[in-house]
Amino acid sequence: READGCFAWSINGGDDVGTQFSESAYEIECDAMESLMDVL
């Protein structure tokens, strides 16, 4: 994210849900990736 430099994730498309964004911000990229894998 440009605003604070933290990492986040998004899921785009499918099931007419639109775009889903992570609710949390993560200090490092791999933590955001782990969170994304948990959600999926």
PDB file of all heavy atoms in Angstrom:
ATOM      1  N   ARG A   1       0.836  -1.191   0.000  1.00  0.00           N
ATOM      2  CA  ARG A   1       0.000   0.000   0.000  1.00  0.00           C
ATOM      3  C   ARG A   1       0.875   1.247   0.000  1.00  0.00           C
ATOM      4  O   ARG A   1       1.870   1.318   0.717  1.00  0.00           O
ATOM      5  CB  ARG A   1      -0.919   0.001   1.223  1.00  0.00           C
ATOM      6  CG  ARG A   1      -1.804  -1.214   1.248  1.00  0.00           C
ATOM      7  CD  ARG A   1      -2.825  -1.245   2.325  1.00  0.00           C
ATOM      8  NE  ARG A   1      -2.433  -0.694   3.603  1.00  0.00           N
ATOM      9  CZ  ARG A   1      -3.151  -0.808   4.710  1.00  0.00           C
ATOM     10  NH1 ARG A   1      -4.286  -1.472   4.694  1.00  0.00           N
ATOM     11  NH2 ARG A   1      -2.742  -0.279   5.840  1.00  0.00           N
ATOM     12  N   GLU A   2       0.495   2.227  -0.809  1.00  0.00           N
ATOM     13  CA  GLU A   2       1.273   3.464  -0.893  1.00  0.00           C
ATOM     14  C   GLU A   2       1.153   4.299   0.374  1.00  0.00           C
ATOM     15  O   GLU A   2       2.104   4.951   0.783  1.00  0.00           O
ATOM     16  CB  GLU A   2       0.826   4.284  -2.096  1.00  0.00           C
ATOM     17  CG  GLU A   2       1.227   3.689  -3.416  1.00  0.00           C
ATOM     18  CD  GLU A   2       0.828   4.559  -4.586  1.00  0.00           C
ATOM     19  OE1 GLU A   2       0.587   5.774  -4.395  1.00  0.00           O
ATOM     20  OE2 GLU A   2       0.758   4.031  -5.701  1.00  0.00           O
ATOM     21  N   ALA A   3      -0.004   4.274   0.999  1.00  0.00           N
ATOM     22  CA  ALA A   3      -0.267   5.150   2.148  1.00  0.00           C
ATOM     23  C   ALA A   3       0.659   4.874   3.320  1.00  0.00           C
ATOM     24  O   ALA A   3       1.186   5.797   3.939  1.00  0.00           O
ATOM     25  CB  ALA A   3      -1.719   5.008   2.593  1.00  0.00           C
ATOM     26  N   ASP A   4       0.861   3.600   3.642  1.00  0.00           N
ATOM     27  CA  ASP A   4       1.657   3.284   4.836  1.00  0.00           C
ATOM     28  C   ASP A   4       2.793   2.296   4.585  1.00  0.00           C
ATOM     29  O   ASP A   4       3.541   1.965   5.498  1.00  0.00           O
ATOM     30  CB  ASP A   4       0.749   2.746   5.950  1.00  0.00           C
ATOM     31  CG  ASP A   4      -0.039   1.512   5.534  1.00  0.00           C
ATOM     32  OD1 ASP A   4       0.228   0.957   4.451  1.00  0.00           O
ATOM     33  OD2 ASP A   4      -0.930   1.112   6.299  1.00  0.00           O
ATOM     34  N   GLY A   5       2.930   1.798   3.368  1.00  0.00           N
ATOM     35  CA  GLY A   5       4.008   0.876   3.042  1.00  0.00           C
ATOM     36  C   GLY A   5       3.766  -0.555   3.498  1.00  0.00           C
ATOM     37  O   GLY A   5       4.614  -1.415   3.299  1.00  0.00           O
ATOM     38  N   CYS A   6       2.618  -0.800   4.108  1.00  0.00           N
ATOM     39  CA  CYS A   6       2.291  -2.162   4.547  1.00  0.00           C
ATOM     40  C   CYS A   6       1.761  -2.967   3.364  1.00  0.00           C
ATOM     41  O   CYS A   6       1.388  -2.415   2.342  1.00  0.00           O
ATOM     42  CB  CYS A   6       1.241  -2.119   5.658  1.00  0.00           C
ATOM     43  SG  CYS A   6       1.879  -1.466   7.208  1.00  0.00           S
ATOM     44  N   PHE A   7       1.739  -4.277   3.532  1.00  0.00           N
ATOM     45  CA  PHE A   7       1.267  -5.164   2.478  1.00  0.00           C
ATOM     46  C   PHE A   7      -0.169  -5.592   2.751  1.00  0.00           C
ATOM     47  O   PHE A   7      -0.617  -5.647   3.896  1.00  0.00           O
ATOM     48  CB  PHE A   7       2.172  -6.396   2.377  1.00  0.00           C
ATOM     49  CG  PHE A   7       3.541  -6.065   1.877  1.00  0.00           C
ATOM     50  CD1 PHE A   7       4.550  -5.724   2.757  1.00  0.00           C
ATOM     51  CD2 PHE A   7       3.814  -6.066   0.515  1.00  0.00           C
ATOM     52  CE1 PHE A   7       5.814  -5.402   2.300  1.00  0.00           C
ATOM     53  CE2 PHE A   7       5.075  -5.735   0.046  1.00  0.00           C
ATOM     54  CZ  PHE A   7       6.084  -5.410   0.944  1.00  0.00           C
ATOM     55  N   ALA A   8      -0.885  -5.885   1.678  1.00  0.00           N
ATOM     56  CA  ALA A   8      -2.268  -6.352   1.752  1.00  0.00           C
ATOM     57  C   ALA A   8      -2.495  -7.274   0.562  1.00  0.00           C
ATOM     58  O   ALA A   8      -1.615  -7.461  -0.273  1.00  0.00           O
ATOM     59  CB  ALA A   8      -3.226  -5.171   1.719  1.00  0.00           C
ATOM     60  N   TRP A   9      -3.686  -7.854   0.470  1.00  0.00           N
ATOM     61  CA  TRP A   9      -4.025  -8.710  -0.665  1.00  0.00           C
ATOM     62  C   TRP A   9      -5.411  -8.363  -1.181  1.00  0.00           C
ATOM     63  O   TRP A   9      -6.207  -7.737  -0.491  1.00  0.00           O
ATOM     64  CB  TRP A   9      -3.929 -10.190  -0.308  1.00  0.00           C
ATOM     65  CG  TRP A   9      -4.705 -10.620   0.903  1.00  0.00           C
ATOM     66  CD1 TRP A   9      -4.203 -10.881   2.143  1.00  0.00           C
ATOM     67  CD2 TRP A   9      -6.119 -10.850   1.006  1.00  0.00           C
ATOM     68  NE1 TRP A   9      -5.203 -11.245   3.001  1.00  0.00           N
ATOM     69  CE2 TRP A   9      -6.397 -11.247   2.326  1.00  0.00           C
ATOM     70  CE3 TRP A   9      -7.183 -10.764   0.114  1.00  0.00           C
ATOM     71  CZ2 TRP A   9      -7.687 -11.536   2.768  1.00  0.00           C
ATOM     72  CZ3 TRP A   9      -8.468 -11.057   0.557  1.00  0.00           C
ATOM     73  CH2 TRP A   9      -8.704 -11.446   1.867  1.00  0.00           C
ATOM     74  N   SER A  10      -5.667  -8.794  -2.411  1.00  0.00           N
ATOM     75  CA  SER A  10      -7.006  -8.644  -2.989  1.00  0.00           C
ATOM     76  C   SER A  10      -7.333  -9.890  -3.802  1.00  0.00           C
ATOM     77  O   SER A  10      -6.442 -10.572  -4.304  1.00  0.00           O
ATOM     78  CB  SER A  10      -7.108  -7.404  -3.868  1.00  0.00           C
ATOM     79  OG  SER A  10      -6.310  -7.543  -5.029  1.00  0.00           O
ATOM     80  N   ILE A  11      -8.630 -10.171  -3.884  1.00  0.00           N
ATOM     81  CA  ILE A  11      -9.151 -11.261  -4.704  1.00  0.00           C
ATOM     82  C   ILE A  11     -10.149 -10.619  -5.655  1.00  0.00           C
ATOM     83  O   ILE A  11     -11.128 -10.016  -5.212  1.00  0.00           O
ATOM     84  CB  ILE A  11      -9.837 -12.335  -3.831  1.00  0.00           C
ATOM     85  CG1 ILE A  11      -8.864 -12.890  -2.797  1.00  0.00           C
ATOM     86  CG2 ILE A  11     -10.413 -13.437  -4.714  1.00  0.00           C
ATOM     87  CD1 ILE A  11      -9.516 -13.789  -1.746  1.00  0.00           C
ATOM     88  N   ASN A  12      -9.902 -10.731  -6.958  1.00  0.00           N
ATOM     89  CA  ASN A  12     -10.720 -10.055  -7.967  1.00  0.00           C
ATOM     90  C   ASN A  12     -11.474 -11.069  -8.816  1.00  0.00           C
ATOM     91  O   ASN A  12     -10.885 -12.030  -9.292  1.00  0.00           O
ATOM     92  CB  ASN A  12      -9.835  -9.226  -8.902  1.00  0.00           C
ATOM     93  CG  ASN A  12      -8.953  -8.272  -8.148  1.00  0.00           C
ATOM     94  OD1 ASN A  12      -9.416  -7.566  -7.289  1.00  0.00           O
ATOM     95  ND2 ASN A  12      -7.675  -8.265  -8.469  1.00  0.00           N
ATOM     96  N   GLY A  13     -12.759 -10.818  -9.025  1.00  0.00           N
ATOM     97  CA  GLY A  13     -13.542 -11.614  -9.951  1.00  0.00           C
ATOM     98  C   GLY A  13     -14.198 -12.829  -9.330  1.00  0.00           C
ATOM     99  O   GLY A  13     -14.004 -13.148  -8.163  1.00  0.00           O
ATOM    100  N   GLY A  14     -15.002 -13.491 -10.147  1.00  0.00           N
ATOM    101  CA  GLY A  14     -15.688 -14.697  -9.724  1.00  0.00           C
ATOM    102  C   GLY A  14     -16.923 -14.416  -8.896  1.00  0.00           C
ATOM    103  O   GLY A  14     -16.942 -13.528  -8.056  1.00  0.00           O
ATOM    104  N   ASP A  15     -17.973 -15.156  -9.145  1.00  0.00           N
ATOM    105  CA  ASP A  15     -19.194 -15.155  -8.348  1.00  0.00           C
ATOM    106  C   ASP A  15     -19.838 -13.783  -8.159  1.00  0.00           C
ATOM    107  O   ASP A  15     -20.561 -13.565  -7.201  1.00  0.00           O
ATOM    108  CB  ASP A  15     -18.968 -15.783  -6.971  1.00  0.00           C
ATOM    109  CG  ASP A  15     -18.572 -17.239  -7.056  1.00  0.00           C
ATOM    110  OD1 ASP A  15     -18.734 -17.839  -8.136  1.00  0.00           O
ATOM    111  OD2 ASP A  15     -18.106 -17.775  -6.050  1.00  0.00           O
ATOM    112  N   ASP A  16     -19.592 -12.843  -9.029  1.00  0.00           N
ATOM    113  CA  ASP A  16     -20.206 -11.510  -8.952  1.00  0.00           C
ATOM    114  C   ASP A  16     -20.052 -10.851  -7.582  1.00  0.00           C
ATOM    115  O   ASP A  16     -20.887 -10.046  -7.172  1.00  0.00           O
ATOM    116  CB  ASP A  16     -21.698 -11.583  -9.324  1.00  0.00           C
ATOM    117  CG  ASP A  16     -21.900 -12.059 -10.752  1.00  0.00           C
ATOM    118  OD1 ASP A  16     -21.068 -11.711 -11.602  1.00  0.00           O
ATOM    119  OD2 ASP A  16     -22.890 -12.762 -11.006  1.00  0.00           O
ATOM    120  N   VAL A  17     -18.998 -11.195  -6.859  1.00  0.00           N
ATOM    121  CA  VAL A  17     -18.769 -10.638  -5.536  1.00  0.00           C
ATOM    122  C   VAL A  17     -18.006  -9.324  -5.631  1.00  0.00           C
ATOM    123  O   VAL A  17     -18.046  -8.505  -4.734  1.00  0.00           O
ATOM    124  CB  VAL A  17     -17.980 -11.649  -4.656  1.00  0.00           C
ATOM    125  CG1 VAL A  17     -17.645 -11.062  -3.308  1.00  0.00           C
ATOM    126  CG2 VAL A  17     -18.754 -12.931  -4.512  1.00  0.00           C
ATOM    127  N   GLY A  18     -17.329  -9.099  -6.722  1.00  0.00           N
ATOM    128  CA  GLY A  18     -16.496  -7.922  -6.854  1.00  0.00           C
ATOM    129  C   GLY A  18     -15.105  -8.206  -6.314  1.00  0.00           C
ATOM    130  O   GLY A  18     -14.636  -9.329  -6.347  1.00  0.00           O
ATOM    131  N   THR A  19     -14.468  -7.191  -5.798  1.00  0.00           N
ATOM    132  CA  THR A  19     -13.117  -7.337  -5.269  1.00  0.00           C
ATOM    133  C   THR A  19     -13.155  -7.394  -3.753  1.00  0.00           C
ATOM    134  O   THR A  19     -13.803  -6.576  -3.112  1.00  0.00           O
ATOM    135  CB  THR A  19     -12.234  -6.160  -5.717  1.00  0.00           C
ATOM    136  OG1 THR A  19     -12.219  -6.111  -7.146  1.00  0.00           O
ATOM    137  CG2 THR A  19     -10.815  -6.309  -5.210  1.00  0.00           C
ATOM    138  N   GLN A  20     -12.459  -8.375  -3.213  1.00  0.00           N
ATOM    139  CA  GLN A  20     -12.345  -8.522  -1.763  1.00  0.00           C
ATOM    140  C   GLN A  20     -10.927  -8.130  -1.359  1.00  0.00           C
ATOM    141  O   GLN A  20      -9.958  -8.585  -1.970  1.00  0.00           O
ATOM    142  CB  GLN A  20     -12.618  -9.981  -1.378  1.00  0.00           C
ATOM    143  CG  GLN A  20     -12.459 -10.269   0.096  1.00  0.00           C
ATOM    144  CD  GLN A  20     -12.644 -11.760   0.408  1.00  0.00           C
ATOM    145  OE1 GLN A  20     -12.999 -12.556  -0.448  1.00  0.00           O
ATOM    146  NE2 GLN A  20     -12.380 -12.108   1.640  1.00  0.00           N
ATOM    147  N   PHE A  21     -10.807  -7.280  -0.351  1.00  0.00           N
ATOM    148  CA  PHE A  21      -9.507  -6.845   0.147  1.00  0.00           C
ATOM    149  C   PHE A  21      -9.275  -7.392   1.551  1.00  0.00           C
ATOM    150  O   PHE A  21     -10.220  -7.619   2.302  1.00  0.00           O
ATOM    151  CB  PHE A  21      -9.422  -5.312   0.197  1.00  0.00           C
ATOM    152  CG  PHE A  21      -9.357  -4.672  -1.164  1.00  0.00           C
ATOM    153  CD1 PHE A  21     -10.514  -4.237  -1.789  1.00  0.00           C
ATOM    154  CD2 PHE A  21      -8.149  -4.512  -1.812  1.00  0.00           C
ATOM    155  CE1 PHE A  21     -10.471  -3.650  -3.046  1.00  0.00           C
ATOM    156  CE2 PHE A  21      -8.093  -3.920  -3.068  1.00  0.00           C
ATOM    157  CZ  PHE A  21      -9.255  -3.488  -3.684  1.00  0.00           C
ATOM    158  N   SER A  22      -8.008  -7.554   1.897  1.00  0.00           N
ATOM    159  CA  SER A  22      -7.677  -7.993   3.248  1.00  0.00           C
ATOM    160  C   SER A  22      -8.116  -6.923   4.245  1.00  0.00           C
ATOM    161  O   SER A  22      -8.066  -5.726   3.955  1.00  0.00           O
ATOM    162  CB  SER A  22      -6.172  -8.251   3.389  1.00  0.00           C
ATOM    163  OG  SER A  22      -5.416  -7.112   3.036  1.00  0.00           O
ATOM    164  N   GLU A  23      -8.561  -7.365   5.394  1.00  0.00           N
ATOM    165  CA  GLU A  23      -8.990  -6.433   6.425  1.00  0.00           C
ATOM    166  C   GLU A  23      -7.809  -5.893   7.221  1.00  0.00           C
ATOM    167  O   GLU A  23      -7.902  -4.856   7.862  1.00  0.00           O
ATOM    168  CB  GLU A  23      -9.982  -7.121   7.365  1.00  0.00           C
ATOM    169  CG  GLU A  23     -11.276  -7.494   6.674  1.00  0.00           C
ATOM    170  CD  GLU A  23     -12.240  -8.223   7.588  1.00  0.00           C
ATOM    171  OE1 GLU A  23     -11.953  -8.348   8.800  1.00  0.00           O
ATOM    172  OE2 GLU A  23     -13.275  -8.680   7.093  1.00  0.00           O
ATOM    173  N   SER A  24      -6.704  -6.626   7.176  1.00  0.00           N
ATOM    174  CA  SER A  24      -5.510  -6.245   7.941  1.00  0.00           C
ATOM    175  C   SER A  24      -4.405  -5.785   7.003  1.00  0.00           C
ATOM    176  O   SER A  24      -4.417  -6.062   5.817  1.00  0.00           O
ATOM    177  CB  SER A  24      -4.997  -7.434   8.752  1.00  0.00           C
ATOM    178  OG  SER A  24      -5.973  -7.878   9.655  1.00  0.00           O
ATOM    179  N   ALA A  25      -3.440  -5.085   7.582  1.00  0.00           N
ATOM    180  CA  ALA A  25      -2.217  -4.708   6.884  1.00  0.00           C
ATOM    181  C   ALA A  25      -1.084  -5.525   7.481  1.00  0.00           C
ATOM    182  O   ALA A  25      -1.109  -5.861   8.665  1.00  0.00           O
ATOM    183  CB  ALA A  25      -1.953  -3.220   7.060  1.00  0.00           C
ATOM    184  N   TYR A  26      -0.092  -5.855   6.669  1.00  0.00           N
ATOM    185  CA  TYR A  26       0.989  -6.728   7.102  1.00  0.00           C
ATOM    186  C   TYR A  26       2.329  -6.040   6.880  1.00  0.00           C
ATOM    187  O   TYR A  26       2.544  -5.412   5.845  1.00  0.00           O
ATOM    188  CB  TYR A  26       0.930  -8.052   6.324  1.00  0.00           C
ATOM    189  CG  TYR A  26      -0.421  -8.719   6.487  1.00  0.00           C
ATOM    190  CD1 TYR A  26      -1.449  -8.472   5.582  1.00  0.00           C
ATOM    191  CD2 TYR A  26      -0.677  -9.539   7.564  1.00  0.00           C
ATOM    192  CE1 TYR A  26      -2.703  -9.042   5.740  1.00  0.00           C
ATOM    193  CE2 TYR A  26      -1.933 -10.115   7.739  1.00  0.00           C
ATOM    194  CZ  TYR A  26      -2.930  -9.864   6.823  1.00  0.00           C
ATOM    195  OH  TYR A  26      -4.165 -10.428   6.994  1.00  0.00           O
ATOM    196  N   GLU A  27       3.203  -6.179   7.839  1.00  0.00           N
ATOM    197  CA  GLU A  27       4.518  -5.536   7.769  1.00  0.00           C
ATOM    198  C   GLU A  27       5.386  -6.119   6.656  1.00  0.00           C
ATOM    199  O   GLU A  27       6.168  -5.401   6.047  1.00  0.00           O
ATOM    200  CB  GLU A  27       5.254  -5.669   9.108  1.00  0.00           C
ATOM    201  CG  GLU A  27       4.618  -4.874  10.229  1.00  0.00           C
ATOM    202  CD  GLU A  27       4.777  -3.381  10.043  1.00  0.00           C
ATOM    203  OE1 GLU A  27       5.847  -2.934   9.595  1.00  0.00           O
ATOM    204  OE2 GLU A  27       3.813  -2.648  10.327  1.00  0.00           O
ATOM    205  N   ILE A  28       5.259  -7.428   6.424  1.00  0.00           N
ATOM    206  CA  ILE A  28       6.083  -8.063   5.399  1.00  0.00           C
ATOM    207  C   ILE A  28       5.194  -8.809   4.402  1.00  0.00           C
ATOM    208  O   ILE A  28       4.105  -9.271   4.725  1.00  0.00           O
ATOM    209  CB  ILE A  28       7.155  -9.007   5.999  1.00  0.00           C
ATOM    210  CG1 ILE A  28       6.530 -10.052   6.903  1.00  0.00           C
ATOM    211  CG2 ILE A  28       8.210  -8.213   6.751  1.00  0.00           C
ATOM    212  CD1 ILE A  28       7.525 -11.054   7.463  1.00  0.00           C
ATOM    213  N   GLU A  29       5.691  -8.903   3.186  1.00  0.00           N
ATOM    214  CA  GLU A  29       4.940  -9.489   2.083  1.00  0.00           C
ATOM    215  C   GLU A  29       4.522 -10.932   2.348  1.00  0.00           C
ATOM    216  O   GLU A  29       3.395 -11.336   2.032  1.00  0.00           O
ATOM    217  CB  GLU A  29       5.802  -9.414   0.819  1.00  0.00           C
ATOM    218  CG  GLU A  29       5.112  -9.755  -0.452  1.00  0.00           C
ATOM    219  CD  GLU A  29       6.021  -9.518  -1.639  1.00  0.00           C
ATOM    220  OE1 GLU A  29       7.097 -10.148  -1.710  1.00  0.00           O
ATOM    221  OE2 GLU A  29       5.649  -8.696  -2.498  1.00  0.00           O
ATOM    222  N   CYS A  30       5.406 -11.718   2.955  1.00  0.00           N
ATOM    223  CA  CYS A  30       5.074 -13.135   3.167  1.00  0.00           C
ATOM    224  C   CYS A  30       3.938 -13.306   4.166  1.00  0.00           C
ATOM    225  O   CYS A  30       3.163 -14.265   4.071  1.00  0.00           O
ATOM    226  CB  CYS A  30       6.295 -13.956   3.541  1.00  0.00           C
ATOM    227  SG  CYS A  30       7.052 -13.530   5.095  1.00  0.00           S
ATOM    228  N   ASP A  31       3.763 -12.378   5.103  1.00  0.00           N
ATOM    229  CA  ASP A  31       2.622 -12.459   6.028  1.00  0.00           C
ATOM    230  C   ASP A  31       1.305 -12.217   5.289  1.00  0.00           C
ATOM    231  O   ASP A  31       0.298 -12.869   5.569  1.00  0.00           O
ATOM    232  CB  ASP A  31       2.768 -11.459   7.172  1.00  0.00           C
ATOM    233  CG  ASP A  31       3.840 -11.866   8.174  1.00  0.00           C
ATOM    234  OD1 ASP A  31       4.290 -13.032   8.145  1.00  0.00           O
ATOM    235  OD2 ASP A  31       4.230 -11.010   8.995  1.00  0.00           O
ATOM    236  N   ALA A  32       1.315 -11.287   4.341  1.00  0.00           N
ATOM    237  CA  ALA A  32       0.128 -11.050   3.529  1.00  0.00           C
ATOM    238  C   ALA A  32      -0.182 -12.280   2.687  1.00  0.00           C
ATOM    239  O   ALA A  32      -1.344 -12.671   2.540  1.00  0.00           O
ATOM    240  CB  ALA A  32       0.325  -9.821   2.644  1.00  0.00           C
ATOM    241  N   MET A  33       0.857 -12.925   2.144  1.00  0.00           N
ATOM    242  CA  MET A  33       0.669 -14.136   1.349  1.00  0.00           C
ATOM    243  C   MET A  33       0.071 -15.264   2.201  1.00  0.00           C
ATOM    244  O   MET A  33      -0.839 -15.968   1.773  1.00  0.00           O
ATOM    245  CB  MET A  33       2.005 -14.585   0.757  1.00  0.00           C
ATOM    246  CG  MET A  33       1.938 -15.889  -0.006  1.00  0.00           C
ATOM    247  SD  MET A  33       1.120 -15.774  -1.596  1.00  0.00           S
ATOM    248  CE  MET A  33       2.383 -14.955  -2.535  1.00  0.00           C
ATOM    249  N   GLU A  34       0.574 -15.429   3.421  1.00  0.00           N
ATOM    250  CA  GLU A  34       0.037 -16.462   4.328  1.00  0.00           C
ATOM    251  C   GLU A  34      -1.433 -16.203   4.627  1.00  0.00           C
ATOM    252  O   GLU A  34      -2.251 -17.127   4.636  1.00  0.00           O
ATOM    253  CB  GLU A  34       0.841 -16.492   5.632  1.00  0.00           C
ATOM    254  CG  GLU A  34       2.243 -17.048   5.491  1.00  0.00           C
ATOM    255  CD  GLU A  34       2.275 -18.546   5.274  1.00  0.00           C
ATOM    256  OE1 GLU A  34       1.377 -19.246   5.787  1.00  0.00           O
ATOM    257  OE2 GLU A  34       3.195 -19.008   4.595  1.00  0.00           O
ATOM    258  N   SER A  35      -1.785 -14.955   4.868  1.00  0.00           N
ATOM    259  CA  SER A  35      -3.177 -14.600   5.131  1.00  0.00           C
ATOM    260  C   SER A  35      -4.058 -14.907   3.925  1.00  0.00           C
ATOM    261  O   SER A  35      -5.159 -15.449   4.065  1.00  0.00           O
ATOM    262  CB  SER A  35      -3.280 -13.122   5.492  1.00  0.00           C
ATOM    263  OG  SER A  35      -4.623 -12.723   5.574  1.00  0.00           O
ATOM    264  N   LEU A  36      -3.576 -14.577   2.735  1.00  0.00           N
ATOM    265  CA  LEU A  36      -4.320 -14.863   1.510  1.00  0.00           C
ATOM    266  C   LEU A  36      -4.553 -16.367   1.370  1.00  0.00           C
ATOM    267  O   LEU A  36      -5.663 -16.811   1.059  1.00  0.00           O
ATOM    268  CB  LEU A  36      -3.563 -14.318   0.298  1.00  0.00           C
ATOM    269  CG  LEU A  36      -4.145 -14.651  -1.074  1.00  0.00           C
ATOM    270  CD1 LEU A  36      -5.544 -14.067  -1.225  1.00  0.00           C
ATOM    271  CD2 LEU A  36      -3.210 -14.143  -2.173  1.00  0.00           C
ATOM    272  N   MET A  37      -3.531 -17.169   1.625  1.00  0.00           N
ATOM    273  CA  MET A  37      -3.677 -18.616   1.526  1.00  0.00           C
ATOM    274  C   MET A  37      -4.688 -19.141   2.550  1.00  0.00           C
ATOM    275  O   MET A  37      -5.458 -20.059   2.245  1.00  0.00           O
ATOM    276  CB  MET A  37      -2.320 -19.314   1.696  1.00  0.00           C
ATOM    277  CG  MET A  37      -1.428 -19.146   0.484  1.00  0.00           C
ATOM    278  SD  MET A  37       0.071 -20.153   0.550  1.00  0.00           S
ATOM    279  CE  MET A  37       1.143 -19.136   1.537  1.00  0.00           C
ATOM    280  N   ASP A  38      -4.707 -18.549   3.724  1.00  0.00           N
ATOM    281  CA  ASP A  38      -5.693 -18.953   4.736  1.00  0.00           C
ATOM    282  C   ASP A  38      -7.123 -18.671   4.271  1.00  0.00           C
ATOM    283  O   ASP A  38      -8.008 -19.506   4.418  1.00  0.00           O
ATOM    284  CB  ASP A  38      -5.437 -18.231   6.065  1.00  0.00           C
ATOM    285  CG  ASP A  38      -4.178 -18.696   6.771  1.00  0.00           C
ATOM    286  OD1 ASP A  38      -3.667 -19.799   6.439  1.00  0.00           O
ATOM    287  OD2 ASP A  38      -3.701 -17.966   7.659  1.00  0.00           O
ATOM    288  N   VAL A  39      -7.332 -17.486   3.693  1.00  0.00           N
ATOM    289  CA  VAL A  39      -8.665 -17.111   3.219  1.00  0.00           C
ATOM    290  C   VAL A  39      -9.124 -18.030   2.080  1.00  0.00           C
ATOM    291  O   VAL A  39     -10.295 -18.400   2.000  1.00  0.00           O
ATOM    292  CB  VAL A  39      -8.684 -15.632   2.763  1.00  0.00           C
ATOM    293  CG1 VAL A  39      -9.943 -15.290   2.008  1.00  0.00           C
ATOM    294  CG2 VAL A  39      -8.520 -14.724   3.964  1.00  0.00           C
ATOM    295  N   LEU A  40      -8.193 -18.428   1.235  1.00  0.00           N
ATOM    296  CA  LEU A  40      -8.509 -19.297   0.095  1.00  0.00           C
ATOM    297  C   LEU A  40      -8.502 -20.786   0.478  1.00  0.00           C
ATOM    298  O   LEU A  40      -8.744 -21.634  -0.375  1.00  0.00           O
ATOM    299  CB  LEU A  40      -7.527 -19.054  -1.056  1.00  0.00           C
ATOM    300  CG  LEU A  40      -7.567 -17.666  -1.685  1.00  0.00           C
ATOM    301  CD1 LEU A  40      -6.421 -17.502  -2.672  1.00  0.00           C
ATOM    302  CD2 LEU A  40      -8.906 -17.422  -2.360  1.00  0.00           C
TER     303      LEU A  40
END
